[in-house]
Each structure stands twice: as structure tokens, then as C-alpha cells.
């Protein structure tokens, strides 16, 4: 098709994080970062977990050996996205309306120590 090009943004992986560069490259990306991008965008962990399960299911049905090979680096990105920090867990169990101003201040210091 005239005027259509297959391009991708260059991506750099650092341990369990990913950063997309402001560099457009010709052709397809070397691998898919769809679920990692969803995690970065704040998609709920349960949704990402279910999407990963569905992806595996579809890959096993297709019988496509190449599609079923999961890159270990990509998996580490997904696993890291599922881990909940102690600060987030504490906030999920907190009822801010039940706190006095002094208790709220204590919670701020407690959460800061968890980060």
C-alpha cells in the first residue's frame, strides 16, 4: 500500500524495566512488548495476568512453535509488573476517612519507609 510503512519505536531494557526511545526504526520490533506496555499504562494486574493466560492458550491451540517460545527477558518484565510493593498493599488496606490528622501523618512516614 502506498504511503504505509512498518515502523517501531526503539526500546531499551534495563533489568525488569523497559524504556521506549524517541527513535523510530524501520521494520517490525524484534519482539512484542504489548503486555509490558499494558503494565506500564496501569492496566490492572488481574487483567494482564488473564491476558497472558489467554495468550498462552491461543499459542498452544495454534501449534505455532515459534509463537510458543517466550523470551525470558520479556517474562521477567511481566513477572515484575505483577509484584505488589508493601506500600501499595498497605494503602489498599487503609481507610483514610477513619484516620485522625496525626494518624495520617504517621501513615505518611510509615509509607515513606516502605518505598
PDB file of N, CA and C in Angstrom:
ATOM      1  N   UNK A   1       0.839  -1.175   0.000  1.00  0.00           N
ATOM      2  CA  UNK A   1       0.000   0.000   0.000  1.00  0.00           C
ATOM      3  C   UNK A   1       0.884   1.238   0.000  1.00  0.00           C
ATOM      4  N   UNK A   2       0.558   2.129  -0.827  1.00  0.00           N
ATOM      5  CA  UNK A   2       1.348   3.352  -0.938  1.00  0.00           C
ATOM      6  C   UNK A   2       1.157   4.229   0.303  1.00  0.00           C
ATOM      7  N   UNK A   3       2.257   4.746   0.817  1.00  0.00           N
ATOM      8  CA  UNK A   3       2.207   5.634   1.972  1.00  0.00           C
ATOM      9  C   UNK A   3       2.154   4.926   3.315  1.00  0.00           C
ATOM     10  N   UNK A   4       2.179   3.599   3.310  1.00  0.00           N
ATOM     11  CA  UNK A   4       2.143   2.833   4.561  1.00  0.00           C
ATOM     12  C   UNK A   4       3.515   2.223   4.800  1.00  0.00           C
ATOM     13  N   UNK A   5       4.013   2.329   6.023  1.00  0.00           N
ATOM     14  CA  UNK A   5       5.323   1.768   6.352  1.00  0.00           C
ATOM     15  C   UNK A   5       5.239   1.045   7.690  1.00  0.00           C
ATOM     16  N   UNK A   6       5.976  -0.036   7.805  1.00  0.00           N
ATOM     17  CA  UNK A   6       6.054  -0.778   9.061  1.00  0.00           C
ATOM     18  C   UNK A   6       7.240  -0.223   9.850  1.00  0.00           C
ATOM     19  N   UNK A   7       6.949   0.420  10.973  1.00  0.00           N
ATOM     20  CA  UNK A   7       7.992   1.008  11.812  1.00  0.00           C
ATOM     21  C   UNK A   7       7.715   0.654  13.271  1.00  0.00           C
ATOM     22  N   UNK A   8       8.711   0.871  14.108  1.00  0.00           N
ATOM     23  CA  UNK A   8       8.551   0.654  15.542  1.00  0.00           C
ATOM     24  C   UNK A   8       9.424   1.642  16.302  1.00  0.00           C
ATOM     25  N   UNK A   9       9.097   1.847  17.568  1.00  0.00           N
ATOM     26  CA  UNK A   9       9.937   2.674  18.431  1.00  0.00           C
ATOM     27  C   UNK A   9      11.014   1.792  19.037  1.00  0.00           C
ATOM     28  N   UNK A  10      12.218   2.290  19.028  1.00  0.00           N
ATOM     29  CA  UNK A  10      13.328   1.561  19.628  1.00  0.00           C
ATOM     30  C   UNK A  10      13.077   1.449  21.132  1.00  0.00           C
ATOM     31  N   UNK A  11      13.351   0.285  21.694  1.00  0.00           N
ATOM     32  CA  UNK A  11      13.134   0.053  23.122  1.00  0.00           C
ATOM     33  C   UNK A  11      14.425  -0.421  23.770  1.00  0.00           C
ATOM     34  N   UNK A  12      14.628   0.010  25.004  1.00  0.00           N
ATOM     35  CA  UNK A  12      15.804  -0.396  25.765  1.00  0.00           C
ATOM     36  C   UNK A  12      15.316  -1.050  27.048  1.00  0.00           C
ATOM     37  N   UNK A  13      15.858  -2.226  27.330  1.00  0.00           N
ATOM     38  CA  UNK A  13      15.500  -2.930  28.555  1.00  0.00           C
ATOM     39  C   UNK A  13      16.616  -2.748  29.574  1.00  0.00           C
ATOM     40  N   UNK A  14      16.213  -2.443  30.798  1.00  0.00           N
ATOM     41  CA  UNK A  14      17.138  -2.307  31.931  1.00  0.00           C
ATOM     42  C   UNK A  14      16.609  -3.195  33.041  1.00  0.00           C
ATOM     43  N   UNK A  15      17.193  -4.366  33.201  1.00  0.00           N
ATOM     44  CA  UNK A  15      16.691  -5.284  34.224  1.00  0.00           C
ATOM     45  C   UNK A  15      15.241  -5.620  33.972  1.00  0.00           C
ATOM     46  N   UNK A  16      14.377  -5.247  34.916  1.00  0.00           N
ATOM     47  CA  UNK A  16      12.955  -5.549  34.799  1.00  0.00           C
ATOM     48  C   UNK A  16      12.134  -4.366  34.306  1.00  0.00           C
ATOM     49  N   UNK A  17      12.782  -3.343  33.782  1.00  0.00           N
ATOM     50  CA  UNK A  17      12.045  -2.193  33.271  1.00  0.00           C
ATOM     51  C   UNK A  17      12.312  -2.031  31.786  1.00  0.00           C
ATOM     52  N   UNK A  18      11.457  -1.275  31.149  1.00  0.00           N
ATOM     53  CA  UNK A  18      11.595  -1.024  29.720  1.00  0.00           C
ATOM     54  C   UNK A  18      11.400   0.464  29.480  1.00  0.00           C
ATOM     55  N   UNK A  19      12.168   1.001  28.565  1.00  0.00           N
ATOM     56  CA  UNK A  19      12.037   2.411  28.190  1.00  0.00           C
ATOM     57  C   UNK A  19      11.981   2.484  26.675  1.00  0.00           C
ATOM     58  N   UNK A  20      11.034   3.240  26.170  1.00  0.00           N
ATOM     59  CA  UNK A  20      10.921   3.418  24.733  1.00  0.00           C
ATOM     60  C   UNK A  20      11.617   4.713  24.349  1.00  0.00           C
ATOM     61  N   UNK A  21      12.512   4.600  23.400  1.00  0.00           N
ATOM     62  CA  UNK A  21      13.297   5.737  22.959  1.00  0.00           C
ATOM     63  C   UNK A  21      12.473   6.565  21.974  1.00  0.00           C
ATOM     64  N   UNK A  22      12.909   7.752  21.723  1.00  0.00           N
ATOM     65  CA  UNK A  22      12.220   8.618  20.769  1.00  0.00           C
ATOM     66  C   UNK A  22      12.828   8.434  19.387  1.00  0.00           C
ATOM     67  N   UNK A  23      13.107   7.193  19.052  1.00  0.00           N
ATOM     68  CA  UNK A  23      13.748   6.869  17.786  1.00  0.00           C
ATOM     69  C   UNK A  23      12.878   5.877  17.022  1.00  0.00           C
ATOM     70  N   UNK A  24      12.395   6.282  15.868  1.00  0.00           N
ATOM     71  CA  UNK A  24      11.568   5.410  15.030  1.00  0.00           C
ATOM     72  C   UNK A  24      12.488   4.607  14.126  1.00  0.00           C
ATOM     73  N   UNK A  25      12.302   3.286  14.147  1.00  0.00           N
ATOM     74  CA  UNK A  25      13.120   2.371  13.349  1.00  0.00           C
ATOM     75  C   UNK A  25      12.257   1.721  12.273  1.00  0.00           C
ATOM     76  N   UNK A  26      12.854   1.432  11.133  1.00  0.00           N
ATOM     77  CA  UNK A  26      12.143   0.728  10.068  1.00  0.00           C
ATOM     78  C   UNK A  26      11.911  -0.722  10.455  1.00  0.00           C
ATOM     79  N   UNK A  27      10.817  -1.282   9.995  1.00  0.00           N
ATOM     80  CA  UNK A  27      10.526  -2.699  10.193  1.00  0.00           C
ATOM     81  C   UNK A  27       9.851  -2.986  11.520  1.00  0.00           C
ATOM     82  N   UNK A  28       9.614  -4.274  11.731  1.00  0.00           N
ATOM     83  CA  UNK A  28       8.945  -4.719  12.953  1.00  0.00           C
ATOM     84  C   UNK A  28       9.925  -4.755  14.120  1.00  0.00           C
ATOM     85  N   UNK A  29       9.400  -4.673  15.320  1.00  0.00           N
ATOM     86  CA  UNK A  29      10.226  -4.808  16.525  1.00  0.00           C
ATOM     87  C   UNK A  29      10.700  -6.247  16.640  1.00  0.00           C
ATOM     88  N   UNK A  30      11.796  -6.449  17.344  1.00  0.00           N
ATOM     89  CA  UNK A  30      12.351  -7.796  17.482  1.00  0.00           C
ATOM     90  C   UNK A  30      11.475  -8.694  18.346  1.00  0.00           C
ATOM     91  N   UNK A  31      10.640  -8.098  19.187  1.00  0.00           N
ATOM     92  CA  UNK A  31       9.696  -8.872  19.997  1.00  0.00           C
ATOM     93  C   UNK A  31       8.535  -7.977  20.397  1.00  0.00           C
ATOM     94  N   UNK A  32       7.496  -8.597  20.916  1.00  0.00           N
ATOM     95  CA  UNK A  32       6.303  -7.860  21.320  1.00  0.00           C
ATOM     96  C   UNK A  32       6.428  -7.395  22.768  1.00  0.00           C
ATOM     97  N   UNK A  33       6.048  -6.164  23.005  1.00  0.00           N
ATOM     98  CA  UNK A  33       6.057  -5.606  24.349  1.00  0.00           C
ATOM     99  C   UNK A  33       4.641  -5.247  24.799  1.00  0.00           C
ATOM    100  N   UNK A  34       3.645  -5.835  24.168  1.00  0.00           N
ATOM    101  CA  UNK A  34       2.253  -5.477  24.435  1.00  0.00           C
ATOM    102  C   UNK A  34       1.851  -5.561  25.892  1.00  0.00           C
ATOM    103  N   UNK A  35       2.147  -6.679  26.535  1.00  0.00           N
ATOM    104  CA  UNK A  35       1.742  -6.831  27.932  1.00  0.00           C
ATOM    105  C   UNK A  35       2.588  -5.955  28.857  1.00  0.00           C
ATOM    106  N   UNK A  36       3.850  -5.756  28.528  1.00  0.00           N
ATOM    107  CA  UNK A  36       4.693  -4.867  29.333  1.00  0.00           C
ATOM    108  C   UNK A  36       4.193  -3.427  29.228  1.00  0.00           C
ATOM    109  N   UNK A  37       3.776  -3.030  28.029  1.00  0.00           N
ATOM    110  CA  UNK A  37       3.236  -1.680  27.835  1.00  0.00           C
ATOM    111  C   UNK A  37       1.934  -1.528  28.611  1.00  0.00           C
ATOM    112  N   UNK A  38       1.110  -2.564  28.590  1.00  0.00           N
ATOM    113  CA  UNK A  38      -0.142  -2.514  29.347  1.00  0.00           C
ATOM    114  C   UNK A  38       0.134  -2.318  30.835  1.00  0.00           C
ATOM    115  N   UNK A  39       1.140  -3.016  31.357  1.00  0.00           N
ATOM    116  CA  UNK A  39       1.501  -2.859  32.769  1.00  0.00           C
ATOM    117  C   UNK A  39       1.981  -1.437  33.048  1.00  0.00           C
ATOM    118  N   UNK A  40       2.809  -0.892  32.151  1.00  0.00           N
ATOM    119  CA  UNK A  40       3.291   0.485  32.325  1.00  0.00           C
ATOM    120  C   UNK A  40       2.148   1.492  32.270  1.00  0.00           C
ATOM    121  N   UNK A  41       1.121   1.168  31.477  1.00  0.00           N
ATOM    122  CA  UNK A  41      -0.012   2.076  31.318  1.00  0.00           C
ATOM    123  C   UNK A  41      -0.984   2.000  32.489  1.00  0.00           C
ATOM    124  N   UNK A  42      -0.739   1.080  33.414  1.00  0.00           N
ATOM    125  CA  UNK A  42      -1.592   0.992  34.588  1.00  0.00           C
ATOM    126  C   UNK A  42      -2.757   0.032  34.460  1.00  0.00           C
ATOM    127  N   UNK A  43      -2.743  -0.824  33.451  1.00  0.00           N
ATOM    128  CA  UNK A  43      -3.797  -1.826  33.328  1.00  0.00           C
ATOM    129  C   UNK A  43      -3.734  -2.714  34.576  1.00  0.00           C
ATOM    130  N   UNK A  44      -4.875  -3.011  35.183  1.00  0.00           N
ATOM    131  CA  UNK A  44      -4.868  -3.819  36.412  1.00  0.00           C
ATOM    132  C   UNK A  44      -4.135  -5.148  36.242  1.00  0.00           C
ATOM    133  N   UNK A  45      -3.448  -5.544  37.296  1.00  0.00           N
ATOM    134  CA  UNK A  45      -2.629  -6.763  37.262  1.00  0.00           C
ATOM    135  C   UNK A  45      -3.441  -7.997  36.900  1.00  0.00           C
ATOM    136  N   UNK A  46      -4.682  -8.070  37.394  1.00  0.00           N
ATOM    137  CA  UNK A  46      -5.523  -9.225  37.081  1.00  0.00           C
ATOM    138  C   UNK A  46      -5.814  -9.312  35.589  1.00  0.00           C
ATOM    139  N   UNK A  47      -5.985  -8.174  34.945  1.00  0.00           N
ATOM    140  CA  UNK A  47      -6.249  -8.151  33.506  1.00  0.00           C
ATOM    141  C   UNK A  47      -5.017  -8.629  32.739  1.00  0.00           C
ATOM    142  N   UNK A  48      -3.847  -8.163  33.137  1.00  0.00           N
ATOM    143  CA  UNK A  48      -2.604  -8.579  32.475  1.00  0.00           C
ATOM    144  C   UNK A  48      -2.370 -10.072  32.682  1.00  0.00           C
ATOM    145  N   UNK A  49      -2.622 -10.535  33.891  1.00  0.00           N
ATOM    146  CA  UNK A  49      -2.442 -11.962  34.185  1.00  0.00           C
ATOM    147  C   UNK A  49      -3.370 -12.802  33.309  1.00  0.00           C
ATOM    148  N   UNK A  50      -4.625 -12.389  33.200  1.00  0.00           N
ATOM    149  CA  UNK A  50      -5.595 -13.118  32.370  1.00  0.00           C
ATOM    150  C   UNK A  50      -5.200 -13.042  30.900  1.00  0.00           C
ATOM    151  N   UNK A  51      -4.709 -11.904  30.447  1.00  0.00           N
ATOM    152  CA  UNK A  51      -4.274 -11.761  29.050  1.00  0.00           C
ATOM    153  C   UNK A  51      -3.108 -12.691  28.754  1.00  0.00           C
ATOM    154  N   UNK A  52      -2.187 -12.799  29.692  1.00  0.00           N
ATOM    155  CA  UNK A  52      -1.049 -13.696  29.490  1.00  0.00           C
ATOM    156  C   UNK A  52      -1.518 -15.153  29.417  1.00  0.00           C
ATOM    157  N   UNK A  53      -2.484 -15.525  30.283  1.00  0.00           N
ATOM    158  CA  UNK A  53      -3.043 -16.880  30.236  1.00  0.00           C
ATOM    159  C   UNK A  53      -3.718 -17.141  28.893  1.00  0.00           C
ATOM    160  N   UNK A  54      -4.479 -16.168  28.429  1.00  0.00           N
ATOM    161  CA  UNK A  54      -5.185 -16.305  27.147  1.00  0.00           C
ATOM    162  C   UNK A  54      -4.186 -16.406  25.999  1.00  0.00           C
ATOM    163  N   UNK A  55      -3.120 -15.639  26.053  1.00  0.00           N
ATOM    164  CA  UNK A  55      -2.086 -15.696  25.021  1.00  0.00           C
ATOM    165  C   UNK A  55      -1.471 -17.086  24.957  1.00  0.00           C
ATOM    166  N   UNK A  56      -1.136 -17.634  26.103  1.00  0.00           N
ATOM    167  CA  UNK A  56      -0.568 -18.993  26.132  1.00  0.00           C
ATOM    168  C   UNK A  56      -1.554 -20.004  25.559  1.00  0.00           C
ATOM    169  N   UNK A  57      -2.818 -19.838  25.926  1.00  0.00           N
ATOM    170  CA  UNK A  57      -3.870 -20.725  25.429  1.00  0.00           C
ATOM    171  C   UNK A  57      -3.944 -20.667  23.902  1.00  0.00           C
ATOM    172  N   UNK A  58      -3.966 -19.473  23.361  1.00  0.00           N
ATOM    173  CA  UNK A  58      -4.055 -19.301  21.909  1.00  0.00           C
ATOM    174  C   UNK A  58      -2.816 -19.840  21.206  1.00  0.00           C
ATOM    175  N   UNK A  59      -1.655 -19.626  21.810  1.00  0.00           N
ATOM    176  CA  UNK A  59      -0.421 -20.137  21.209  1.00  0.00           C
ATOM    177  C   UNK A  59      -0.410 -21.656  21.195  1.00  0.00           C
ATOM    178  N   UNK A  60      -0.919 -22.282  22.250  1.00  0.00           N
ATOM    179  CA  UNK A  60      -0.924 -23.750  22.278  1.00  0.00           C
ATOM    180  C   UNK A  60      -1.932 -24.310  21.287  1.00  0.00           C
ATOM    181  N   UNK A  61      -3.035 -23.617  21.070  1.00  0.00           N
ATOM    182  CA  UNK A  61      -4.035 -24.057  20.098  1.00  0.00           C
ATOM    183  C   UNK A  61      -3.489 -23.941  18.683  1.00  0.00           C
ATOM    184  N   UNK A  62      -2.768 -22.863  18.417  1.00  0.00           N
ATOM    185  CA  UNK A  62      -2.256 -22.637  17.061  1.00  0.00           C
ATOM    186  C   UNK A  62      -1.183 -23.644  16.691  1.00  0.00           C
ATOM    187  N   UNK A  63      -0.510 -24.198  17.697  1.00  0.00           N
ATOM    188  CA  UNK A  63       0.551 -25.161  17.422  1.00  0.00           C
ATOM    189  C   UNK A  63       1.774 -24.520  16.800  1.00  0.00           C
ATOM    190  N   UNK A  64       1.852 -23.220  16.864  1.00  0.00           N
ATOM    191  CA  UNK A  64       2.976 -22.498  16.274  1.00  0.00           C
ATOM    192  C   UNK A  64       4.144 -22.533  17.252  1.00  0.00           C
ATOM    193  N   UNK A  65       5.137 -23.335  16.960  1.00  0.00           N
ATOM    194  CA  UNK A  65       6.277 -23.500  17.872  1.00  0.00           C
ATOM    195  C   UNK A  65       7.002 -22.184  18.107  1.00  0.00           C
ATOM    196  N   UNK A  66       7.147 -21.377  17.077  1.00  0.00           N
ATOM    197  CA  UNK A  66       7.863 -20.106  17.230  1.00  0.00           C
ATOM    198  C   UNK A  66       7.101 -19.175  18.159  1.00  0.00           C
ATOM    199  N   UNK A  67       5.781 -19.164  18.047  1.00  0.00           N
ATOM    200  CA  UNK A  67       4.980 -18.276  18.887  1.00  0.00           C
ATOM    201  C   UNK A  67       4.966 -18.735  20.334  1.00  0.00           C
ATOM    202  N   UNK A  68       5.152 -20.027  20.566  1.00  0.00           N
ATOM    203  CA  UNK A  68       5.074 -20.517  21.935  1.00  0.00           C
ATOM    204  C   UNK A  68       6.381 -20.345  22.695  1.00  0.00           C
ATOM    205  N   UNK A  69       7.450 -19.970  22.010  1.00  0.00           N
ATOM    206  CA  UNK A  69       8.711 -19.727  22.696  1.00  0.00           C
ATOM    207  C   UNK A  69       8.681 -18.328  23.293  1.00  0.00           C
ATOM    208  N   UNK A  70       8.691 -18.260  24.608  1.00  0.00           N
ATOM    209  CA  UNK A  70       8.607 -16.973  25.292  1.00  0.00           C
ATOM    210  C   UNK A  70      10.001 -16.544  25.692  1.00  0.00           C
ATOM    211  N   UNK A  71      10.355 -15.327  25.335  1.00  0.00           N
ATOM    212  CA  UNK A  71      11.660 -14.778  25.683  1.00  0.00           C
ATOM    213  C   UNK A  71      11.729 -14.565  27.191  1.00  0.00           C
ATOM    214  N   UNK A  72      12.798 -15.031  27.830  1.00  0.00           N
ATOM    215  CA  UNK A  72      12.947 -14.927  29.279  1.00  0.00           C
ATOM    216  C   UNK A  72      12.975 -13.504  29.780  1.00  0.00           C
ATOM    217  N   UNK A  73      13.568 -12.599  29.025  1.00  0.00           N
ATOM    218  CA  UNK A  73      13.617 -11.196  29.433  1.00  0.00           C
ATOM    219  C   UNK A  73      12.221 -10.608  29.453  1.00  0.00           C
ATOM    220  N   UNK A  74      11.439 -10.923  28.432  1.00  0.00           N
ATOM    221  CA  UNK A  74      10.070 -10.427  28.380  1.00  0.00           C
ATOM    222  C   UNK A  74       9.271 -10.957  29.570  1.00  0.00           C
ATOM    223  N   UNK A  75       9.458 -12.225  29.900  1.00  0.00           N
ATOM    224  CA  UNK A  75       8.744 -12.790  31.036  1.00  0.00           C
ATOM    225  C   UNK A  75       9.143 -12.095  32.331  1.00  0.00           C
ATOM    226  N   UNK A  76      10.413 -11.759  32.495  1.00  0.00           N
ATOM    227  CA  UNK A  76      10.820 -11.093  33.726  1.00  0.00           C
ATOM    228  C   UNK A  76      10.152  -9.728  33.847  1.00  0.00           C
ATOM    229  N   UNK A  77       9.913  -9.062  32.729  1.00  0.00           N
ATOM    230  CA  UNK A  77       9.198  -7.793  32.763  1.00  0.00           C
ATOM    231  C   UNK A  77       7.776  -7.998  33.260  1.00  0.00           C
ATOM    232  N   UNK A  78       7.141  -9.072  32.791  1.00  0.00           N
ATOM    233  CA  UNK A  78       5.767  -9.326  33.181  1.00  0.00           C
ATOM    234  C   UNK A  78       5.668  -9.749  34.637  1.00  0.00           C
ATOM    235  N   UNK A  79       6.569 -10.564  35.086  1.00  0.00           N
ATOM    236  CA  UNK A  79       6.554 -11.010  36.475  1.00  0.00           C
ATOM    237  C   UNK A  79       6.750  -9.818  37.396  1.00  0.00           C
ATOM    238  N   UNK A  80       7.661  -8.935  37.047  1.00  0.00           N
ATOM    239  CA  UNK A  80       7.908  -7.757  37.881  1.00  0.00           C
ATOM    240  C   UNK A  80       6.668  -6.885  37.968  1.00  0.00           C
ATOM    241  N   UNK A  81       5.911  -6.811  36.891  1.00  0.00           N
ATOM    242  CA  UNK A  81       4.712  -5.988  36.892  1.00  0.00           C
ATOM    243  C   UNK A  81       3.652  -6.545  37.828  1.00  0.00           C
ATOM    244  N   UNK A  82       3.687  -7.851  38.107  1.00  0.00           N
ATOM    245  CA  UNK A  82       2.688  -8.466  38.964  1.00  0.00           C
ATOM    246  C   UNK A  82       2.994  -8.302  40.441  1.00  0.00           C
ATOM    247  N   UNK A  83       4.225  -8.069  40.808  1.00  0.00           N
ATOM    248  CA  UNK A  83       4.591  -7.964  42.211  1.00  0.00           C
ATOM    249  C   UNK A  83       4.059  -6.663  42.797  1.00  0.00           C
ATOM    250  N   UNK A  84       3.403  -6.772  43.947  1.00  0.00           N
ATOM    251  CA  UNK A  84       2.848  -5.598  44.606  1.00  0.00           C
ATOM    252  C   UNK A  84       3.800  -5.166  45.710  1.00  0.00           C
ATOM    253  N   UNK A  85       4.111  -3.892  45.741  1.00  0.00           N
ATOM    254  CA  UNK A  85       5.019  -3.386  46.769  1.00  0.00           C
ATOM    255  C   UNK A  85       4.311  -3.357  48.121  1.00  0.00           C
ATOM    256  N   UNK A  86       5.073  -3.436  49.202  1.00  0.00           N
ATOM    257  CA  UNK A  86       4.473  -3.355  50.539  1.00  0.00           C
ATOM    258  C   UNK A  86       3.706  -2.046  50.753  1.00  0.00           C
ATOM    259  N   UNK A  87       4.181  -0.963  50.155  1.00  0.00           N
ATOM    260  CA  UNK A  87       3.495   0.325  50.303  1.00  0.00           C
ATOM    261  C   UNK A  87       2.121   0.279  49.649  1.00  0.00           C
ATOM    262  N   UNK A  88       2.035  -0.330  48.467  1.00  0.00           N
ATOM    263  CA  UNK A  88       0.747  -0.437  47.775  1.00  0.00           C
ATOM    264  C   UNK A  88      -0.199  -1.324  48.576  1.00  0.00           C
ATOM    265  N   UNK A  89       0.316  -2.431  49.086  1.00  0.00           N
ATOM    266  CA  UNK A  89      -0.520  -3.314  49.907  1.00  0.00           C
ATOM    267  C   UNK A  89      -1.057  -2.579  51.132  1.00  0.00           C
ATOM    268  N   UNK A  90      -0.215  -1.801  51.783  1.00  0.00           N
ATOM    269  CA  UNK A  90      -0.648  -1.044  52.962  1.00  0.00           C
ATOM    270  C   UNK A  90      -1.727  -0.038  52.589  1.00  0.00           C
ATOM    271  N   UNK A  91      -1.553   0.644  51.459  1.00  0.00           N
ATOM    272  CA  UNK A  91      -2.543   1.624  51.017  1.00  0.00           C
ATOM    273  C   UNK A  91      -3.872   0.974  50.663  1.00  0.00           C
ATOM    274  N   UNK A  92      -3.820  -0.219  50.074  1.00  0.00           N
ATOM    275  CA  UNK A  92      -5.056  -0.908  49.708  1.00  0.00           C
ATOM    276  C   UNK A  92      -5.885  -1.254  50.943  1.00  0.00           C
ATOM    277  N   UNK A  93      -5.234  -1.485  52.065  1.00  0.00           N
ATOM    278  CA  UNK A  93      -5.935  -1.856  53.298  1.00  0.00           C
ATOM    279  C   UNK A  93      -6.248  -0.658  54.192  1.00  0.00           C
ATOM    280  N   UNK A  94      -5.915   0.524  53.758  1.00  0.00           N
ATOM    281  CA  UNK A  94      -6.067   1.722  54.579  1.00  0.00           C
ATOM    282  C   UNK A  94      -7.402   2.413  54.300  1.00  0.00           C
ATOM    283  N   UNK A  95      -8.084   2.822  55.356  1.00  0.00           N
ATOM    284  CA  UNK A  95      -9.301   3.631  55.235  1.00  0.00           C
ATOM    285  C   UNK A  95      -8.942   5.050  55.663  1.00  0.00           C
ATOM    286  N   UNK A  96      -8.630   5.927  54.711  1.00  0.00           N
ATOM    287  CA  UNK A  96      -8.155   7.269  55.077  1.00  0.00           C
ATOM    288  C   UNK A  96      -9.192   8.090  55.831  1.00  0.00           C
ATOM    289  N   UNK A  97     -10.479   7.807  55.625  1.00  0.00           N
ATOM    290  CA  UNK A  97     -11.516   8.575  56.311  1.00  0.00           C
ATOM    291  C   UNK A  97     -11.575   8.275  57.806  1.00  0.00           C
ATOM    292  N   UNK A  98     -10.970   7.174  58.217  1.00  0.00           N
ATOM    293  CA  UNK A  98     -11.012   6.807  59.637  1.00  0.00           C
ATOM    294  C   UNK A  98      -9.798   7.329  60.412  1.00  0.00           C
ATOM    295  N   UNK A  99      -8.898   8.024  59.740  1.00  0.00           N
ATOM    296  CA  UNK A  99      -7.664   8.484  60.380  1.00  0.00           C
ATOM    297  C   UNK A  99      -7.794   9.906  60.911  1.00  0.00           C
ATOM    298  N   UNK A 100      -7.191  10.125  62.056  1.00  0.00           N
ATOM    299  CA  UNK A 100      -7.061  11.491  62.562  1.00  0.00           C
ATOM    300  C   UNK A 100      -5.913  12.151  61.794  1.00  0.00           C
ATOM    301  N   UNK A 101      -5.792  13.467  61.852  1.00  0.00           N
ATOM    302  CA  UNK A 101      -4.655  14.110  61.176  1.00  0.00           C
ATOM    303  C   UNK A 101      -3.310  13.557  61.647  1.00  0.00           C
ATOM    304  N   UNK A 102      -3.193  13.301  62.939  1.00  0.00           N
ATOM    305  CA  UNK A 102      -1.932  12.754  63.469  1.00  0.00           C
ATOM    306  C   UNK A 102      -1.673  11.347  62.915  1.00  0.00           C
ATOM    307  N   UNK A 103      -2.708  10.506  62.857  1.00  0.00           N
ATOM    308  CA  UNK A 103      -2.560   9.155  62.311  1.00  0.00           C
ATOM    309  C   UNK A 103      -2.197   9.207  60.822  1.00  0.00           C
ATOM    310  N   UNK A 104      -2.785  10.153  60.102  1.00  0.00           N
ATOM    311  CA  UNK A 104      -2.468  10.294  58.678  1.00  0.00           C
ATOM    312  C   UNK A 104      -0.994  10.643  58.492  1.00  0.00           C
ATOM    313  N   UNK A 105      -0.487  11.538  59.328  1.00  0.00           N
ATOM    314  CA  UNK A 105       0.927  11.900  59.260  1.00  0.00           C
ATOM    315  C   UNK A 105       1.810  10.692  59.573  1.00  0.00           C
ATOM    316  N   UNK A 106       1.432   9.909  60.563  1.00  0.00           N
ATOM    317  CA  UNK A 106       2.188   8.699  60.890  1.00  0.00           C
ATOM    318  C   UNK A 106       2.188   7.726  59.715  1.00  0.00           C
ATOM    319  N   UNK A 107       1.047   7.612  59.027  1.00  0.00           N
ATOM    320  CA  UNK A 107       0.966   6.734  57.852  1.00  0.00           C
ATOM    321  C   UNK A 107       1.891   7.211  56.737  1.00  0.00           C
ATOM    322  N   UNK A 108       1.979   8.516  56.559  1.00  0.00           N
ATOM    323  CA  UNK A 108       2.873   9.050  55.523  1.00  0.00           C
ATOM    324  C   UNK A 108       4.307   8.626  55.807  1.00  0.00           C
ATOM    325  N   UNK A 109       4.734   8.759  57.051  1.00  0.00           N
ATOM    326  CA  UNK A 109       6.099   8.349  57.405  1.00  0.00           C
ATOM    327  C   UNK A 109       6.282   6.838  57.262  1.00  0.00           C
ATOM    328  N   UNK A 110       5.276   6.072  57.640  1.00  0.00           N
ATOM    329  CA  UNK A 110       5.351   4.615  57.520  1.00  0.00           C
ATOM    330  C   UNK A 110       5.466   4.211  56.042  1.00  0.00           C
ATOM    331  N   UNK A 111       4.643   4.821  55.197  1.00  0.00           N
ATOM    332  CA  UNK A 111       4.689   4.508  53.762  1.00  0.00           C
ATOM    333  C   UNK A 111       6.020   4.930  53.152  1.00  0.00           C
ATOM    334  N   UNK A 112       6.527   6.073  53.575  1.00  0.00           N
ATOM    335  CA  UNK A 112       7.817   6.540  53.060  1.00  0.00           C
ATOM    336  C   UNK A 112       8.922   5.541  53.385  1.00  0.00           C
ATOM    337  N   UNK A 113       8.854   4.926  54.551  1.00  0.00           N
ATOM    338  CA  UNK A 113       9.881   3.947  54.920  1.00  0.00           C
ATOM    339  C   UNK A 113       9.764   2.662  54.097  1.00  0.00           C
ATOM    340  N   UNK A 114       8.586   2.392  53.549  1.00  0.00           N
ATOM    341  CA  UNK A 114       8.383   1.193  52.732  1.00  0.00           C
ATOM    342  C   UNK A 114       8.848   1.369  51.292  1.00  0.00           C
ATOM    343  N   UNK A 115       8.991   2.607  50.870  1.00  0.00           N
ATOM    344  CA  UNK A 115       9.351   2.872  49.464  1.00  0.00           C
ATOM    345  C   UNK A 115      10.857   2.849  49.292  1.00  0.00           C
TER     346      UNK A 115
END
